[in-house]
Amino acid sequence: MLSPPGPLTKVTRLVNPQISDVLTLEGGANSFGPAITGDSFDAADDLVSSSSTTIDGQVYYSYEMAGPHIAGEHLLASLSFKGGVSVLCVAAASEKQWAQAEANLRQIVASFRIGIPA
């Protein structure tokens, strides 16, 4: 399941910051974890992995979450900033769906880009 876009959240007054200018990888998980899970988030229990990637000069933080606070779901997320606004892509599958959906969901989240010229 892919989540619909959430409301835009202005996170800083800096002009055109990268996510890494405002948050650490761990800080992004703690700050946006509840938005990703839709509920509570405990990094010690729920964060499976995290990574940072720069693509075409844009920094993306990626997270994989599953655990007791995730209500049986497995979540993949990619987070970035554009113009001081957070942009989040989340894909989810139940534990039952995960084995079949994992490869496609990873590809979808990995393809997430912002600021691509038309």
PDB file of N, CA and C in Angstrom:
ATOM      1  N   MET A   1       0.844  -1.162   0.000  1.00  0.00           N
ATOM      2  CA  MET A   1       0.000   0.000   0.000  1.00  0.00           C
ATOM      3  C   MET A   1       0.897   1.234   0.000  1.00  0.00           C
ATOM      4  N   LEU A   2       0.593   2.185  -0.829  1.00  0.00           N
ATOM      5  CA  LEU A   2       1.304   3.453  -0.838  1.00  0.00           C
ATOM      6  C   LEU A   2       0.440   4.485  -0.155  1.00  0.00           C
ATOM      7  N   SER A   3       1.061   5.293   0.677  1.00  0.00           N
ATOM      8  CA  SER A   3       0.320   6.337   1.384  1.00  0.00           C
ATOM      9  C   SER A   3       0.115   7.533   0.472  1.00  0.00           C
ATOM     10  N   PRO A   4      -1.030   8.199   0.596  1.00  0.00           N
ATOM     11  CA  PRO A   4      -1.220   9.430  -0.167  1.00  0.00           C
ATOM     12  C   PRO A   4      -0.303  10.510   0.372  1.00  0.00           C
ATOM     13  N   PRO A   5      -0.004  11.517  -0.431  1.00  0.00           N
ATOM     14  CA  PRO A   5       0.879  12.575   0.058  1.00  0.00           C
ATOM     15  C   PRO A   5       0.283  13.242   1.287  1.00  0.00           C
ATOM     16  N   GLY A   6       1.133  13.528   2.243  1.00  0.00           N
ATOM     17  CA  GLY A   6       0.695  14.204   3.460  1.00  0.00           C
ATOM     18  C   GLY A   6       0.781  15.703   3.287  1.00  0.00           C
ATOM     19  N   PRO A   7       0.368  16.419   4.304  1.00  0.00           N
ATOM     20  CA  PRO A   7       0.462  17.873   4.217  1.00  0.00           C
ATOM     21  C   PRO A   7       1.925  18.311   4.199  1.00  0.00           C
ATOM     22  N   LEU A   8       2.199  19.389   3.493  1.00  0.00           N
ATOM     23  CA  LEU A   8       3.556  19.919   3.459  1.00  0.00           C
ATOM     24  C   LEU A   8       3.862  20.573   4.794  1.00  0.00           C
ATOM     25  N   THR A   9       5.045  20.315   5.301  1.00  0.00           N
ATOM     26  CA  THR A   9       5.451  20.863   6.584  1.00  0.00           C
ATOM     27  C   THR A   9       6.727  21.668   6.393  1.00  0.00           C
ATOM     28  N   LYS A  10       6.655  22.969   6.615  1.00  0.00           N
ATOM     29  CA  LYS A  10       7.848  23.825   6.536  1.00  0.00           C
ATOM     30  C   LYS A  10       8.665  23.533   7.787  1.00  0.00           C
ATOM     31  N   VAL A  11       9.911  23.108   7.601  1.00  0.00           N
ATOM     32  CA  VAL A  11      10.711  22.651   8.734  1.00  0.00           C
ATOM     33  C   VAL A  11      11.827  23.603   9.135  1.00  0.00           C
ATOM     34  N   THR A  12      12.104  24.587   8.307  1.00  0.00           N
ATOM     35  CA  THR A  12      13.195  25.496   8.630  1.00  0.00           C
ATOM     36  C   THR A  12      13.044  26.794   7.856  1.00  0.00           C
ATOM     37  N   ARG A  13      13.707  27.826   8.338  1.00  0.00           N
ATOM     38  CA  ARG A  13      13.727  29.102   7.627  1.00  0.00           C
ATOM     39  C   ARG A  13      14.948  29.218   6.706  1.00  0.00           C
ATOM     40  N   LEU A  14      15.823  28.209   6.718  1.00  0.00           N
ATOM     41  CA  LEU A  14      16.971  28.202   5.819  1.00  0.00           C
ATOM     42  C   LEU A  14      16.489  28.201   4.372  1.00  0.00           C
ATOM     43  N   VAL A  15      17.245  28.802   3.493  1.00  0.00           N
ATOM     44  CA  VAL A  15      16.888  28.832   2.077  1.00  0.00           C
ATOM     45  C   VAL A  15      17.444  27.590   1.390  1.00  0.00           C
ATOM     46  N   ASN A  16      16.559  26.794   0.814  1.00  0.00           N
ATOM     47  CA  ASN A  16      16.911  25.566   0.090  1.00  0.00           C
ATOM     48  C   ASN A  16      17.867  24.641   0.847  1.00  0.00           C
ATOM     49  N   PRO A  17      17.535  24.273   2.078  1.00  0.00           N
ATOM     50  CA  PRO A  17      18.425  23.368   2.814  1.00  0.00           C
ATOM     51  C   PRO A  17      18.291  21.935   2.324  1.00  0.00           C
ATOM     52  N   GLN A  18      19.324  21.165   2.517  1.00  0.00           N
ATOM     53  CA  GLN A  18      19.244  19.720   2.361  1.00  0.00           C
ATOM     54  C   GLN A  18      18.757  19.170   3.705  1.00  0.00           C
ATOM     55  N   ILE A  19      18.216  17.986   3.695  1.00  0.00           N
ATOM     56  CA  ILE A  19      17.772  17.375   4.948  1.00  0.00           C
ATOM     57  C   ILE A  19      18.948  17.255   5.921  1.00  0.00           C
ATOM     58  N   SER A  20      20.137  17.007   5.385  1.00  0.00           N
ATOM     59  CA  SER A  20      21.329  16.853   6.223  1.00  0.00           C
ATOM     60  C   SER A  20      21.771  18.165   6.869  1.00  0.00           C
ATOM     61  N   ASP A  21      21.276  19.305   6.380  1.00  0.00           N
ATOM     62  CA  ASP A  21      21.564  20.602   7.006  1.00  0.00           C
ATOM     63  C   ASP A  21      20.740  20.811   8.269  1.00  0.00           C
ATOM     64  N   VAL A  22      19.659  20.056   8.400  1.00  0.00           N
ATOM     65  CA  VAL A  22      18.702  20.280   9.491  1.00  0.00           C
ATOM     66  C   VAL A  22      18.625  19.095  10.450  1.00  0.00           C
ATOM     67  N   LEU A  23      18.711  17.864   9.917  1.00  0.00           N
ATOM     68  CA  LEU A  23      18.547  16.664  10.729  1.00  0.00           C
ATOM     69  C   LEU A  23      19.646  15.649  10.452  1.00  0.00           C
ATOM     70  N   THR A  24      20.042  14.908  11.480  1.00  0.00           N
ATOM     71  CA  THR A  24      20.886  13.739  11.274  1.00  0.00           C
ATOM     72  C   THR A  24      19.989  12.603  10.787  1.00  0.00           C
ATOM     73  N   LEU A  25      20.588  11.535  10.322  1.00  0.00           N
ATOM     74  CA  LEU A  25      19.812  10.367   9.900  1.00  0.00           C
ATOM     75  C   LEU A  25      18.954   9.852  11.052  1.00  0.00           C
ATOM     76  N   GLU A  26      19.554   9.778  12.234  1.00  0.00           N
ATOM     77  CA  GLU A  26      18.820   9.336  13.430  1.00  0.00           C
ATOM     78  C   GLU A  26      17.735  10.346  13.802  1.00  0.00           C
ATOM     79  N   GLY A  27      18.057  11.624  13.711  1.00  0.00           N
ATOM     80  CA  GLY A  27      17.083  12.668  14.026  1.00  0.00           C
ATOM     81  C   GLY A  27      15.886  12.632  13.099  1.00  0.00           C
ATOM     82  N   GLY A  28      16.121  12.308  11.816  1.00  0.00           N
ATOM     83  CA  GLY A  28      15.010  12.181  10.870  1.00  0.00           C
ATOM     84  C   GLY A  28      14.078  11.056  11.263  1.00  0.00           C
ATOM     85  N   ALA A  29      14.637   9.932  11.690  1.00  0.00           N
ATOM     86  CA  ALA A  29      13.810   8.805  12.122  1.00  0.00           C
ATOM     87  C   ALA A  29      12.994   9.181  13.348  1.00  0.00           C
ATOM     88  N   ASN A  30      13.623   9.825  14.317  1.00  0.00           N
ATOM     89  CA  ASN A  30      12.903  10.201  15.533  1.00  0.00           C
ATOM     90  C   ASN A  30      11.855  11.281  15.273  1.00  0.00           C
ATOM     91  N   SER A  31      12.178  12.258  14.414  1.00  0.00           N
ATOM     92  CA  SER A  31      11.243  13.352  14.145  1.00  0.00           C
ATOM     93  C   SER A  31      10.077  12.925  13.261  1.00  0.00           C
ATOM     94  N   PHE A  32      10.351  12.094  12.251  1.00  0.00           N
ATOM     95  CA  PHE A  32       9.322  11.726  11.289  1.00  0.00           C
ATOM     96  C   PHE A  32       8.784  10.316  11.488  1.00  0.00           C
ATOM     97  N   GLY A  33       9.333   9.554  12.429  1.00  0.00           N
ATOM     98  CA  GLY A  33       8.858   8.199  12.704  1.00  0.00           C
ATOM     99  C   GLY A  33       7.360   8.109  12.905  1.00  0.00           C
ATOM    100  N   PRO A  34       6.770   8.981  13.750  1.00  0.00           N
ATOM    101  CA  PRO A  34       5.318   8.920  13.923  1.00  0.00           C
ATOM    102  C   PRO A  34       4.538   9.230  12.635  1.00  0.00           C
ATOM    103  N   ALA A  35       5.051  10.100  11.776  1.00  0.00           N
ATOM    104  CA  ALA A  35       4.389  10.388  10.498  1.00  0.00           C
ATOM    105  C   ALA A  35       4.500   9.181   9.566  1.00  0.00           C
ATOM    106  N   ILE A  36       5.609   8.472   9.644  1.00  0.00           N
ATOM    107  CA  ILE A  36       5.809   7.289   8.802  1.00  0.00           C
ATOM    108  C   ILE A  36       4.916   6.149   9.269  1.00  0.00           C
ATOM    109  N   THR A  37       4.872   5.904  10.570  1.00  0.00           N
ATOM    110  CA  THR A  37       4.095   4.777  11.098  1.00  0.00           C
ATOM    111  C   THR A  37       2.620   5.106  11.260  1.00  0.00           C
ATOM    112  N   GLY A  38       2.300   6.393  11.353  1.00  0.00           N
ATOM    113  CA  GLY A  38       0.915   6.783  11.599  1.00  0.00           C
ATOM    114  C   GLY A  38       0.532   6.646  13.055  1.00  0.00           C
ATOM    115  N   ASP A  39       1.515   6.371  13.900  1.00  0.00           N
ATOM    116  CA  ASP A  39       1.249   6.172  15.323  1.00  0.00           C
ATOM    117  C   ASP A  39       2.550   6.418  16.077  1.00  0.00           C
ATOM    118  N   SER A  40       2.732   5.747  17.168  1.00  0.00           N
ATOM    119  CA  SER A  40       3.952   5.920  17.951  1.00  0.00           C
ATOM    120  C   SER A  40       5.134   5.274  17.236  1.00  0.00           C
ATOM    121  N   PHE A  41       6.330   5.662  17.660  1.00  0.00           N
ATOM    122  CA  PHE A  41       7.548   5.136  17.056  1.00  0.00           C
ATOM    123  C   PHE A  41       8.628   5.086  18.112  1.00  0.00           C
ATOM    124  N   ASP A  42       9.303   3.960  18.196  1.00  0.00           N
ATOM    125  CA  ASP A  42      10.424   3.778  19.106  1.00  0.00           C
ATOM    126  C   ASP A  42      11.587   3.229  18.287  1.00  0.00           C
ATOM    127  N   ALA A  43      12.586   4.069  18.019  1.00  0.00           N
ATOM    128  CA  ALA A  43      13.705   3.683  17.152  1.00  0.00           C
ATOM    129  C   ALA A  43      14.381   2.405  17.632  1.00  0.00           C
ATOM    130  N   ALA A  44      14.504   2.223  18.939  1.00  0.00           N
ATOM    131  CA  ALA A  44      15.183   1.037  19.466  1.00  0.00           C
ATOM    132  C   ALA A  44      14.444  -0.246  19.087  1.00  0.00           C
ATOM    133  N   ASP A  45      13.109  -0.189  19.011  1.00  0.00           N
ATOM    134  CA  ASP A  45      12.311  -1.373  18.708  1.00  0.00           C
ATOM    135  C   ASP A  45      11.868  -1.458  17.249  1.00  0.00           C
ATOM    136  N   ASP A  46      11.658  -0.320  16.600  1.00  0.00           N
ATOM    137  CA  ASP A  46      10.976  -0.297  15.305  1.00  0.00           C
ATOM    138  C   ASP A  46      11.865  -0.032  14.090  1.00  0.00           C
ATOM    139  N   LEU A  47      13.034   0.550  14.283  1.00  0.00           N
ATOM    140  CA  LEU A  47      13.892   0.896  13.155  1.00  0.00           C
ATOM    141  C   LEU A  47      14.766  -0.299  12.777  1.00  0.00           C
ATOM    142  N   VAL A  48      14.524  -0.847  11.593  1.00  0.00           N
ATOM    143  CA  VAL A  48      15.276  -2.004  11.111  1.00  0.00           C
ATOM    144  C   VAL A  48      16.585  -1.539  10.475  1.00  0.00           C
ATOM    145  N   SER A  49      16.500  -0.494   9.634  1.00  0.00           N
ATOM    146  CA  SER A  49      17.698   0.037   8.993  1.00  0.00           C
ATOM    147  C   SER A  49      17.455   1.471   8.551  1.00  0.00           C
ATOM    148  N   SER A  50      18.555   2.170   8.324  1.00  0.00           N
ATOM    149  CA  SER A  50      18.474   3.538   7.816  1.00  0.00           C
ATOM    150  C   SER A  50      19.714   3.806   6.967  1.00  0.00           C
ATOM    151  N   SER A  51      19.550   4.703   5.993  1.00  0.00           N
ATOM    152  CA  SER A  51      20.681   5.055   5.144  1.00  0.00           C
ATOM    153  C   SER A  51      20.462   6.443   4.563  1.00  0.00           C
ATOM    154  N   SER A  52      21.551   7.031   4.115  1.00  0.00           N
ATOM    155  CA  SER A  52      21.520   8.344   3.480  1.00  0.00           C
ATOM    156  C   SER A  52      22.121   8.202   2.092  1.00  0.00           C
ATOM    157  N   THR A  53      21.460   8.809   1.096  1.00  0.00           N
ATOM    158  CA  THR A  53      21.919   8.744  -0.282  1.00  0.00           C
ATOM    159  C   THR A  53      21.804  10.129  -0.905  1.00  0.00           C
ATOM    160  N   THR A  54      22.770  10.485  -1.733  1.00  0.00           N
ATOM    161  CA  THR A  54      22.687  11.727  -2.490  1.00  0.00           C
ATOM    162  C   THR A  54      22.546  11.366  -3.966  1.00  0.00           C
ATOM    163  N   ILE A  55      21.474  11.858  -4.578  1.00  0.00           N
ATOM    164  CA  ILE A  55      21.186  11.592  -5.984  1.00  0.00           C
ATOM    165  C   ILE A  55      20.950  12.920  -6.675  1.00  0.00           C
ATOM    166  N   ASP A  56      21.734  13.206  -7.701  1.00  0.00           N
ATOM    167  CA  ASP A  56      21.630  14.472  -8.439  1.00  0.00           C
ATOM    168  C   ASP A  56      21.658  15.674  -7.501  1.00  0.00           C
ATOM    169  N   GLY A  57      22.522  15.601  -6.473  1.00  0.00           N
ATOM    170  CA  GLY A  57      22.689  16.702  -5.539  1.00  0.00           C
ATOM    171  C   GLY A  57      21.624  16.805  -4.462  1.00  0.00           C
ATOM    172  N   GLN A  58      20.642  15.913  -4.466  1.00  0.00           N
ATOM    173  CA  GLN A  58      19.556  15.923  -3.475  1.00  0.00           C
ATOM    174  C   GLN A  58      19.806  14.816  -2.461  1.00  0.00           C
ATOM    175  N   VAL A  59      19.771  15.145  -1.160  1.00  0.00           N
ATOM    176  CA  VAL A  59      19.996  14.162  -0.096  1.00  0.00           C
ATOM    177  C   VAL A  59      18.666  13.523   0.297  1.00  0.00           C
ATOM    178  N   TYR A  60      18.660  12.196   0.378  1.00  0.00           N
ATOM    179  CA  TYR A  60      17.491  11.419   0.796  1.00  0.00           C
ATOM    180  C   TYR A  60      17.875  10.557   1.989  1.00  0.00           C
ATOM    181  N   TYR A  61      17.008  10.511   2.992  1.00  0.00           N
ATOM    182  CA  TYR A  61      17.160   9.586   4.109  1.00  0.00           C
ATOM    183  C   TYR A  61      16.143   8.469   3.895  1.00  0.00           C
ATOM    184  N   SER A  62      16.593   7.227   3.988  1.00  0.00           N
ATOM    185  CA  SER A  62      15.713   6.077   3.789  1.00  0.00           C
ATOM    186  C   SER A  62      15.647   5.266   5.071  1.00  0.00           C
ATOM    187  N   TYR A  63      14.449   4.747   5.353  1.00  0.00           N
ATOM    188  CA  TYR A  63      14.210   3.993   6.578  1.00  0.00           C
ATOM    189  C   TYR A  63      13.407   2.737   6.286  1.00  0.00           C
ATOM    190  N   GLU A  64      13.725   1.692   7.031  1.00  0.00           N
ATOM    191  CA  GLU A  64      12.913   0.481   7.045  1.00  0.00           C
ATOM    192  C   GLU A  64      12.467   0.294   8.487  1.00  0.00           C
ATOM    193  N   MET A  65      11.169   0.112   8.662  1.00  0.00           N
ATOM    194  CA  MET A  65      10.612  -0.002  10.009  1.00  0.00           C
ATOM    195  C   MET A  65       9.699  -1.215  10.108  1.00  0.00           C
ATOM    196  N   ALA A  66       9.793  -1.901  11.211  1.00  0.00           N
ATOM    197  CA  ALA A  66       8.913  -3.021  11.540  1.00  0.00           C
ATOM    198  C   ALA A  66       9.103  -3.283  13.019  1.00  0.00           C
ATOM    199  N   GLY A  67       8.064  -3.661  13.685  1.00  0.00           N
ATOM    200  CA  GLY A  67       8.227  -3.938  15.104  1.00  0.00           C
ATOM    201  C   GLY A  67       6.938  -3.821  15.871  1.00  0.00           C
ATOM    202  N   PRO A  68       7.048  -3.849  17.178  1.00  0.00           N
ATOM    203  CA  PRO A  68       5.856  -3.901  18.033  1.00  0.00           C
ATOM    204  C   PRO A  68       4.967  -2.664  17.949  1.00  0.00           C
ATOM    205  N   HIS A  69       5.502  -1.523  17.562  1.00  0.00           N
ATOM    206  CA  HIS A  69       4.692  -0.311  17.475  1.00  0.00           C
ATOM    207  C   HIS A  69       4.147  -0.066  16.076  1.00  0.00           C
ATOM    208  N   ILE A  70       4.397  -0.980  15.157  1.00  0.00           N
ATOM    209  CA  ILE A  70       4.031  -0.785  13.759  1.00  0.00           C
ATOM    210  C   ILE A  70       2.733  -1.524  13.411  1.00  0.00           C
ATOM    211  N   ALA A  71       2.105  -2.171  14.338  1.00  0.00           N
ATOM    212  CA  ALA A  71       0.812  -2.843  14.149  1.00  0.00           C
ATOM    213  C   ALA A  71       0.858  -3.866  13.009  1.00  0.00           C
ATOM    214  N   GLY A  72       1.883  -4.716  12.998  1.00  0.00           N
ATOM    215  CA  GLY A  72       1.952  -5.797  12.022  1.00  0.00           C
ATOM    216  C   GLY A  72       2.354  -5.391  10.624  1.00  0.00           C
ATOM    217  N   GLU A  73       2.758  -4.138  10.449  1.00  0.00           N
ATOM    218  CA  GLU A  73       3.149  -3.682   9.126  1.00  0.00           C
ATOM    219  C   GLU A  73       4.664  -3.595   8.996  1.00  0.00           C
ATOM    220  N   HIS A  74       5.091  -3.669   7.770  1.00  0.00           N
ATOM    221  CA  HIS A  74       6.487  -3.459   7.414  1.00  0.00           C
ATOM    222  C   HIS A  74       6.495  -2.206   6.560  1.00  0.00           C
ATOM    223  N   LEU A  75       7.285  -1.210   6.926  1.00  0.00           N
ATOM    224  CA  LEU A  75       7.268   0.084   6.250  1.00  0.00           C
ATOM    225  C   LEU A  75       8.623   0.428   5.650  1.00  0.00           C
ATOM    226  N   LEU A  76       8.584   1.031   4.472  1.00  0.00           N
ATOM    227  CA  LEU A  76       9.765   1.600   3.833  1.00  0.00           C
ATOM    228  C   LEU A  76       9.460   3.064   3.593  1.00  0.00           C
ATOM    229  N   ALA A  77      10.431   3.935   3.845  1.00  0.00           N
ATOM    230  CA  ALA A  77      10.195   5.364   3.677  1.00  0.00           C
ATOM    231  C   ALA A  77      11.436   6.047   3.138  1.00  0.00           C
ATOM    232  N   SER A  78      11.202   7.105   2.382  1.00  0.00           N
ATOM    233  CA  SER A  78      12.269   7.972   1.914  1.00  0.00           C
ATOM    234  C   SER A  78      11.853   9.397   2.235  1.00  0.00           C
ATOM    235  N   LEU A  79      12.770  10.162   2.810  1.00  0.00           N
ATOM    236  CA  LEU A  79      12.492  11.510   3.292  1.00  0.00           C
ATOM    237  C   LEU A  79      13.517  12.476   2.724  1.00  0.00           C
ATOM    238  N   SER A  80      13.047  13.627   2.263  1.00  0.00           N
ATOM    239  CA  SER A  80      13.949  14.661   1.779  1.00  0.00           C
ATOM    240  C   SER A  80      13.308  16.025   2.019  1.00  0.00           C
ATOM    241  N   PHE A  81      14.057  17.069   1.752  1.00  0.00           N
ATOM    242  CA  PHE A  81      13.554  18.436   1.858  1.00  0.00           C
ATOM    243  C   PHE A  81      13.655  19.107   0.501  1.00  0.00           C
ATOM    244  N   LYS A  82      12.704  19.955   0.204  1.00  0.00           N
ATOM    245  CA  LYS A  82      12.766  20.792  -0.993  1.00  0.00           C
ATOM    246  C   LYS A  82      12.210  22.155  -0.607  1.00  0.00           C
ATOM    247  N   GLY A  83      13.037  23.181  -0.731  1.00  0.00           N
ATOM    248  CA  GLY A  83      12.599  24.526  -0.384  1.00  0.00           C
ATOM    249  C   GLY A  83      12.217  24.680   1.076  1.00  0.00           C
ATOM    250  N   GLY A  84      12.866  23.924   1.953  1.00  0.00           N
ATOM    251  CA  GLY A  84      12.566  24.008   3.379  1.00  0.00           C
ATOM    252  C   GLY A  84      11.325  23.239   3.790  1.00  0.00           C
ATOM    253  N   VAL A  85      10.762  22.446   2.870  1.00  0.00           N
ATOM    254  CA  VAL A  85       9.555  21.666   3.137  1.00  0.00           C
ATOM    255  C   VAL A  85       9.930  20.184   3.115  1.00  0.00           C
ATOM    256  N   SER A  86       9.403  19.421   4.065  1.00  0.00           N
ATOM    257  CA  SER A  86       9.678  17.987   4.090  1.00  0.00           C
ATOM    258  C   SER A  86       8.794  17.276   3.067  1.00  0.00           C
ATOM    259  N   VAL A  87       9.386  16.298   2.392  1.00  0.00           N
ATOM    260  CA  VAL A  87       8.659  15.486   1.424  1.00  0.00           C
ATOM    261  C   VAL A  87       8.942  14.033   1.771  1.00  0.00           C
ATOM    262  N   LEU A  88       7.886  13.254   1.934  1.00  0.00           N
ATOM    263  CA  LEU A  88       7.997  11.901   2.462  1.00  0.00           C
ATOM    264  C   LEU A  88       7.260  10.922   1.555  1.00  0.00           C
ATOM    265  N   CYS A  89       7.920   9.817   1.231  1.00  0.00           N
ATOM    266  CA  CYS A  89       7.305   8.718   0.479  1.00  0.00           C
ATOM    267  C   CYS A  89       7.304   7.499   1.387  1.00  0.00           C
ATOM    268  N   VAL A  90       6.132   6.881   1.575  1.00  0.00           N
ATOM    269  CA  VAL A  90       6.022   5.710   2.448  1.00  0.00           C
ATOM    270  C   VAL A  90       5.306   4.589   1.705  1.00  0.00           C
ATOM    271  N   ALA A  91       5.839   3.378   1.802  1.00  0.00           N
ATOM    272  CA  ALA A  91       5.192   2.184   1.268  1.00  0.00           C
ATOM    273  C   ALA A  91       5.078   1.180   2.409  1.00  0.00           C
ATOM    274  N   ALA A  92       3.943   0.488   2.477  1.00  0.00           N
ATOM    275  CA  ALA A  92       3.699  -0.427   3.590  1.00  0.00           C
ATOM    276  C   ALA A  92       3.115  -1.743   3.101  1.00  0.00           C
ATOM    277  N   ALA A  93       3.394  -2.798   3.843  1.00  0.00           N
ATOM    278  CA  ALA A  93       2.805  -4.114   3.599  1.00  0.00           C
ATOM    279  C   ALA A  93       2.614  -4.788   4.944  1.00  0.00           C
ATOM    280  N   SER A  94       1.568  -5.594   5.035  1.00  0.00           N
ATOM    281  CA  SER A  94       1.388  -6.390   6.252  1.00  0.00           C
ATOM    282  C   SER A  94       2.471  -7.462   6.260  1.00  0.00           C
ATOM    283  N   GLU A  95       2.681  -8.078   7.390  1.00  0.00           N
ATOM    284  CA  GLU A  95       3.678  -9.153   7.461  1.00  0.00           C
ATOM    285  C   GLU A  95       3.313 -10.265   6.480  1.00  0.00           C
ATOM    286  N   LYS A  96       2.028 -10.519   6.304  1.00  0.00           N
ATOM    287  CA  LYS A  96       1.563 -11.551   5.374  1.00  0.00           C
ATOM    288  C   LYS A  96       1.905 -11.185   3.930  1.00  0.00           C
ATOM    289  N   GLN A  97       1.815  -9.913   3.573  1.00  0.00           N
ATOM    290  CA  GLN A  97       2.075  -9.444   2.209  1.00  0.00           C
ATOM    291  C   GLN A  97       3.563  -9.228   1.930  1.00  0.00           C
ATOM    292  N   TRP A  98       4.362  -9.055   2.970  1.00  0.00           N
ATOM    293  CA  TRP A  98       5.742  -8.601   2.834  1.00  0.00           C
ATOM    294  C   TRP A  98       6.578  -9.463   1.890  1.00  0.00           C
ATOM    295  N   ALA A  99       6.550 -10.769   2.023  1.00  0.00           N
ATOM    296  CA  ALA A  99       7.391 -11.643   1.196  1.00  0.00           C
ATOM    297  C   ALA A  99       7.126 -11.426  -0.296  1.00  0.00           C
ATOM    298  N   GLN A 100       5.880 -11.268  -0.662  1.00  0.00           N
ATOM    299  CA  GLN A 100       5.539 -11.084  -2.064  1.00  0.00           C
ATOM    300  C   GLN A 100       5.756  -9.640  -2.534  1.00  0.00           C
ATOM    301  N   ALA A 101       5.552  -8.667  -1.665  1.00  0.00           N
ATOM    302  CA  ALA A 101       5.583  -7.253  -2.058  1.00  0.00           C
ATOM    303  C   ALA A 101       6.945  -6.581  -1.861  1.00  0.00           C
ATOM    304  N   GLU A 102       7.827  -7.175  -1.086  1.00  0.00           N
ATOM    305  CA  GLU A 102       9.068  -6.505  -0.688  1.00  0.00           C
ATOM    306  C   GLU A 102       9.861  -5.932  -1.859  1.00  0.00           C
ATOM    307  N   ALA A 103      10.149  -6.728  -2.869  1.00  0.00           N
ATOM    308  CA  ALA A 103      10.983  -6.255  -3.983  1.00  0.00           C
ATOM    309  C   ALA A 103      10.351  -5.060  -4.691  1.00  0.00           C
ATOM    310  N   ASN A 104       9.046  -5.131  -4.966  1.00  0.00           N
ATOM    311  CA  ASN A 104       8.362  -4.017  -5.637  1.00  0.00           C
ATOM    312  C   ASN A 104       8.337  -2.765  -4.770  1.00  0.00           C
ATOM    313  N   LEU A 105       8.075  -2.915  -3.487  1.00  0.00           N
ATOM    314  CA  LEU A 105       8.022  -1.754  -2.597  1.00  0.00           C
ATOM    315  C   LEU A 105       9.396  -1.110  -2.463  1.00  0.00           C
ATOM    316  N   ARG A 106      10.442  -1.911  -2.383  1.00  0.00           N
ATOM    317  CA  ARG A 106      11.796  -1.356  -2.321  1.00  0.00           C
ATOM    318  C   ARG A 106      12.113  -0.561  -3.594  1.00  0.00           C
ATOM    319  N   GLN A 107      11.722  -1.082  -4.736  1.00  0.00           N
ATOM    320  CA  GLN A 107      11.958  -0.390  -6.005  1.00  0.00           C
ATOM    321  C   GLN A 107      11.167   0.921  -6.069  1.00  0.00           C
ATOM    322  N   ILE A 108       9.935   0.910  -5.622  1.00  0.00           N
ATOM    323  CA  ILE A 108       9.109   2.120  -5.632  1.00  0.00           C
ATOM    324  C   ILE A 108       9.726   3.204  -4.757  1.00  0.00           C
ATOM    325  N   VAL A 109      10.090   2.846  -3.535  1.00  0.00           N
ATOM    326  CA  VAL A 109      10.645   3.837  -2.616  1.00  0.00           C
ATOM    327  C   VAL A 109      12.017   4.306  -3.099  1.00  0.00           C
ATOM    328  N   ALA A 110      12.811   3.405  -3.656  1.00  0.00           N
ATOM    329  CA  ALA A 110      14.131   3.790  -4.169  1.00  0.00           C
ATOM    330  C   ALA A 110      14.017   4.732  -5.369  1.00  0.00           C
ATOM    331  N   SER A 111      12.911   4.701  -6.074  1.00  0.00           N
ATOM    332  CA  SER A 111      12.734   5.566  -7.252  1.00  0.00           C
ATOM    333  C   SER A 111      12.198   6.947  -6.892  1.00  0.00           C
ATOM    334  N   PHE A 112      11.862   7.163  -5.640  1.00  0.00           N
ATOM    335  CA  PHE A 112      11.316   8.450  -5.190  1.00  0.00           C
ATOM    336  C   PHE A 112      12.330   9.567  -5.415  1.00  0.00           C
ATOM    337  N   ARG A 113      11.918  10.605  -6.133  1.00  0.00           N
ATOM    338  CA  ARG A 113      12.764  11.784  -6.400  1.00  0.00           C
ATOM    339  C   ARG A 113      11.929  13.039  -6.282  1.00  0.00           C
ATOM    340  N   ILE A 114      12.556  14.116  -5.863  1.00  0.00           N
ATOM    341  CA  ILE A 114      11.906  15.413  -5.866  1.00  0.00           C
ATOM    342  C   ILE A 114      12.760  16.373  -6.678  1.00  0.00           C
ATOM    343  N   GLY A 115      12.134  17.371  -7.222  1.00  0.00           N
ATOM    344  CA  GLY A 115      12.876  18.394  -7.938  1.00  0.00           C
ATOM    345  C   GLY A 115      13.390  17.991  -9.288  1.00  0.00           C
ATOM    346  N   ILE A 116      12.749  16.989  -9.911  1.00  0.00           N
ATOM    347  CA  ILE A 116      13.175  16.560 -11.230  1.00  0.00           C
ATOM    348  C   ILE A 116      12.613  17.537 -12.259  1.00  0.00           C
ATOM    349  N   PRO A 117      13.466  18.148 -13.095  1.00  0.00           N
ATOM    350  CA  PRO A 117      12.955  19.058 -14.115  1.00  0.00           C
ATOM    351  C   PRO A 117      12.052  18.337 -15.112  1.00  0.00           C
ATOM    352  N   ALA A 118      11.027  19.022 -15.599  1.00  0.00           N
ATOM    353  CA  ALA A 118      10.087  18.401 -16.559  1.00  0.00           C
ATOM    354  C   ALA A 118      10.734  18.266 -17.916  1.00  0.00           C
TER     355      ALA A 118
END
